[in-house]
Amino acid sequence: MRIRSAAGLAALTLTLACCGAFADSGLAQVKGTAANSPISGTVAFKDVKGGLRVTAHLMGLPLGTHGFHIHEFGSCDDAGRAAGGHYNPTGAKHGDVVKKGLKRAHAGDLGNIQAGPDGTASLEAVVPKASLTGGKYDVAGRAIVVQEKPDDFSQPAGNAGGRIACGVIVIVPEVGTQK
C-alpha cells in the first residue's frame, strides 16, 4: 500500500491506533551492576487482563535464588542503588505481590528468581492490578533489580543483600498487536 500524503498517513495512523493495532510493551535490558559482570538479559512487561505480565530471561547469574523486584526510580547508577527502594506507592508491608496481592505486599515485590547451574533464570508472573502506564500502580520508567540473595519476605525489605543486576523499564511500541 502506498500513501500519497501526510494527511493520508495521519488518517491511517489514527485508524490503526483507535482499533488497537498499536500496543505498548515495556522492556528492561538487564546488566550486572559490577564492572565486567557476566549478568545480562531482558525483562518484558505487558498489560493483560487483571494486571501486568512480567517475563524475565536472564543469563550469567550465580547459582541459586535471588530477590527480584521493581524499584521506585529508573536509574541503575551507583551499582543499582540509584534505583531507590522497592516500588511501594501505597506503603504496604513487604511480601510477595504475585501471591498476596497489592493490599498485602509492595507493588514491586516480585519475590524470587531461581538461577540454575548454567546461570540462566526465567520467570513469568502477573502482578495484579499493576500496569505499564496510566494506572495507580504503573511501572514504566522504574527499574527492575536482581538481588544477590533470596528475598526472605522479612520486614521492611526482605534481607536479599546487594544489587547484582539492574535494568530500566522503557516503553517499546509494538505494531500489529491487540491490547
Protein backbone atom coordinates (compact mmCIF):
# COMPACT_ATOMS: atom_id res chain seq x y z
CA MET A 1 0.00 0.00 0.00
CA ARG A 2 1.34 3.41 -0.98
CA ILE A 3 0.32 6.52 0.94
CA ARG A 4 0.39 9.73 -1.13
CA SER A 5 0.11 12.46 1.51
CA ALA A 6 0.83 13.36 5.10
CA ALA A 7 -2.94 13.60 5.67
CA GLY A 8 -3.35 10.05 4.38
CA LEU A 9 -0.58 8.79 6.69
CA ALA A 10 -2.15 10.60 9.65
CA ALA A 11 -5.57 9.11 8.88
CA LEU A 12 -4.11 5.61 8.65
CA THR A 13 -2.23 6.09 11.94
CA LEU A 14 -5.40 7.28 13.72
CA THR A 15 -7.41 4.40 12.27
CA LEU A 16 -4.87 1.82 13.41
CA ALA A 17 -4.49 3.39 16.85
CA CYS A 18 -8.23 3.57 17.54
CA CYS A 19 -8.69 -0.05 16.52
CA GLY A 20 -5.98 -1.49 18.76
CA ALA A 21 -3.34 -2.06 16.11
CA PHE A 22 -0.71 -0.27 18.20
CA ALA A 23 0.03 -1.53 21.70
CA ASP A 24 2.84 -0.66 24.05
CA SER A 25 5.04 -3.06 25.92
CA GLY A 26 7.79 -2.42 28.39
CA LEU A 27 11.29 -3.80 28.27
CA ALA A 28 14.24 -3.66 30.63
CA GLN A 29 17.69 -4.58 29.35
CA VAL A 30 19.25 -6.04 32.49
CA LYS A 31 23.00 -5.80 33.10
CA GLY A 32 25.22 -6.65 36.03
CA THR A 33 25.96 -3.80 38.42
CA ALA A 34 29.63 -4.73 38.91
CA ALA A 35 32.32 -3.97 36.34
CA ASN A 36 32.82 -6.91 33.97
CA SER A 37 29.76 -8.73 35.35
CA PRO A 38 28.54 -11.55 33.08
CA ILE A 39 24.90 -10.92 34.02
CA SER A 40 22.60 -9.89 31.18
CA GLY A 41 19.08 -10.44 29.95
CA THR A 42 15.68 -8.95 29.39
CA VAL A 43 12.52 -8.44 31.37
CA ALA A 44 9.38 -7.78 29.31
CA PHE A 45 6.23 -6.12 30.63
CA LYS A 46 2.77 -6.34 29.02
CA ASP A 47 -0.64 -5.19 30.21
CA VAL A 48 -3.02 -8.16 30.36
CA LYS A 49 -6.46 -8.73 31.80
CA GLY A 50 -6.12 -8.49 35.58
CA GLY A 51 -2.69 -6.90 35.72
CA LEU A 52 0.79 -6.73 34.29
CA ARG A 53 2.58 -9.77 32.86
CA VAL A 54 6.29 -9.85 33.70
CA THR A 55 8.51 -12.20 31.67
CA ALA A 56 12.19 -12.45 32.58
CA HIS A 57 15.04 -14.25 30.82
CA LEU A 58 18.42 -13.74 32.49
CA MET A 59 21.92 -15.19 31.99
CA GLY A 60 25.18 -15.14 33.90
CA LEU A 61 23.64 -15.21 37.37
CA PRO A 62 25.29 -17.05 40.26
CA LEU A 63 23.62 -20.39 41.01
CA GLY A 64 20.75 -20.04 43.47
CA THR A 65 17.77 -17.94 44.44
CA HIS A 66 17.78 -14.17 44.03
CA GLY A 67 15.36 -11.45 45.11
CA PHE A 68 13.62 -9.89 42.11
CA HIS A 69 11.95 -6.50 42.48
CA ILE A 70 10.69 -3.41 40.73
CA HIS A 71 12.32 -0.36 42.35
CA GLU A 72 10.96 3.16 42.56
CA PHE A 73 13.38 5.05 40.30
CA GLY A 74 14.51 4.46 36.73
CA SER A 75 18.25 4.61 37.30
CA CYS A 76 20.83 1.85 37.70
CA ASP A 77 23.68 4.21 38.60
CA ASP A 78 25.81 3.67 41.68
CA ALA A 79 25.71 -0.15 41.38
CA GLY A 80 21.90 -0.09 41.30
CA ARG A 81 21.48 1.95 44.48
CA ALA A 82 20.11 4.91 42.47
CA ALA A 83 17.00 2.78 41.80
CA GLY A 84 15.87 3.56 45.35
CA GLY A 85 13.74 1.21 47.40
CA HIS A 86 11.10 -1.26 46.32
CA TYR A 87 8.26 0.34 44.37
CA ASN A 88 5.61 0.83 47.04
CA PRO A 89 3.09 3.57 46.18
CA THR A 90 0.64 2.63 48.95
CA GLY A 91 3.02 1.97 51.85
CA ALA A 92 2.12 -1.74 52.01
CA LYS A 93 4.22 -4.21 54.01
CA HIS A 94 6.87 -6.28 52.26
CA GLY A 95 5.72 -9.60 50.76
CA ASP A 96 5.16 -11.47 47.50
CA VAL A 97 2.72 -9.35 45.46
CA VAL A 98 2.02 -12.14 42.96
CA LYS A 99 0.83 -14.47 45.75
CA LYS A 100 -0.56 -11.95 48.26
CA GLY A 101 -1.85 -9.06 46.13
CA LEU A 102 -1.37 -5.32 46.45
CA LYS A 103 -3.07 -4.95 49.83
CA ARG A 104 -0.55 -7.28 51.47
CA ALA A 105 2.67 -6.54 49.54
CA HIS A 106 4.60 -3.75 47.81
CA ALA A 107 3.67 -3.35 44.14
CA GLY A 108 7.32 -4.07 43.26
CA ASP A 109 7.74 -7.26 45.30
CA LEU A 110 8.04 -9.95 42.64
CA GLY A 111 9.53 -12.49 45.04
CA ASN A 112 12.49 -14.55 43.84
CA ILE A 113 14.01 -15.82 40.63
CA GLN A 114 15.93 -19.12 40.54
CA ALA A 115 19.19 -19.44 38.58
CA GLY A 116 20.29 -22.88 37.50
CA PRO A 117 23.85 -24.30 37.30
CA ASP A 118 24.24 -22.71 33.85
CA GLY A 119 23.45 -19.23 35.25
CA THR A 120 20.12 -18.87 33.46
CA ALA A 121 16.86 -17.90 35.11
CA SER A 122 13.36 -17.37 33.78
CA LEU A 123 10.20 -16.11 35.40
CA GLU A 124 6.69 -15.35 34.24
CA ALA A 125 4.18 -13.78 36.59
CA VAL A 126 1.20 -11.43 36.58
CA VAL A 127 1.23 -8.57 39.06
CA PRO A 128 -2.43 -7.99 39.95
CA LYS A 129 -3.83 -4.52 39.16
CA ALA A 130 -0.44 -3.19 38.02
CA SER A 131 0.03 -1.61 34.60
CA LEU A 132 2.77 -0.38 32.34
CA THR A 133 1.43 3.21 32.23
CA GLY A 134 -1.58 5.23 33.24
CA GLY A 135 -2.62 3.39 36.36
CA LYS A 136 -2.27 3.65 40.10
CA TYR A 137 0.49 1.01 40.02
CA ASP A 138 2.35 1.87 36.80
CA VAL A 139 5.93 0.67 36.31
CA ALA A 140 7.27 2.35 33.15
CA GLY A 141 10.32 4.46 33.95
CA ARG A 142 11.18 2.45 37.06
CA ALA A 143 13.95 -0.16 37.43
CA ILE A 144 13.97 -3.93 37.80
CA VAL A 145 16.63 -5.18 40.24
CA VAL A 146 18.11 -8.63 40.87
CA GLN A 147 19.48 -9.11 44.40
CA GLU A 148 22.44 -11.26 45.45
CA LYS A 149 20.45 -13.41 47.93
CA PRO A 150 16.90 -14.76 48.26
CA ASP A 151 14.13 -12.46 49.42
CA ASP A 152 13.04 -13.93 52.76
CA PHE A 153 9.98 -11.60 52.87
CA SER A 154 11.01 -10.15 56.22
CA GLN A 155 10.24 -6.50 57.03
CA PRO A 156 10.91 -3.97 55.76
CA ALA A 157 12.60 -5.12 52.52
CA GLY A 158 13.41 -8.85 52.52
CA ASN A 159 17.07 -9.04 53.53
CA ALA A 160 18.17 -10.02 50.00
CA GLY A 161 21.62 -8.42 50.04
CA GLY A 162 23.27 -6.30 47.38
CA ARG A 163 22.01 -5.42 43.93
CA ILE A 164 23.79 -7.58 41.35
CA ALA A 165 21.83 -6.59 38.24
CA CYS A 166 19.56 -3.78 37.14
CA GLY A 167 17.62 -2.51 34.12
CA VAL A 168 15.38 0.49 33.45
CA ILE A 169 11.82 -0.26 32.24
CA VAL A 170 11.21 1.61 28.99
CA ILE A 171 8.22 1.74 26.63
CA VAL A 172 8.64 -0.26 23.43
CA PRO A 173 5.89 0.23 20.84
CA GLU A 174 4.53 -2.85 19.13
CA VAL A 175 2.77 -2.69 15.77
CA GLY A 176 0.05 -5.10 14.76
CA THR A 177 -0.90 -6.50 18.17
CA GLN A 178 -4.08 -6.22 20.17
CA LYS A 179 -4.09 -4.87 23.72
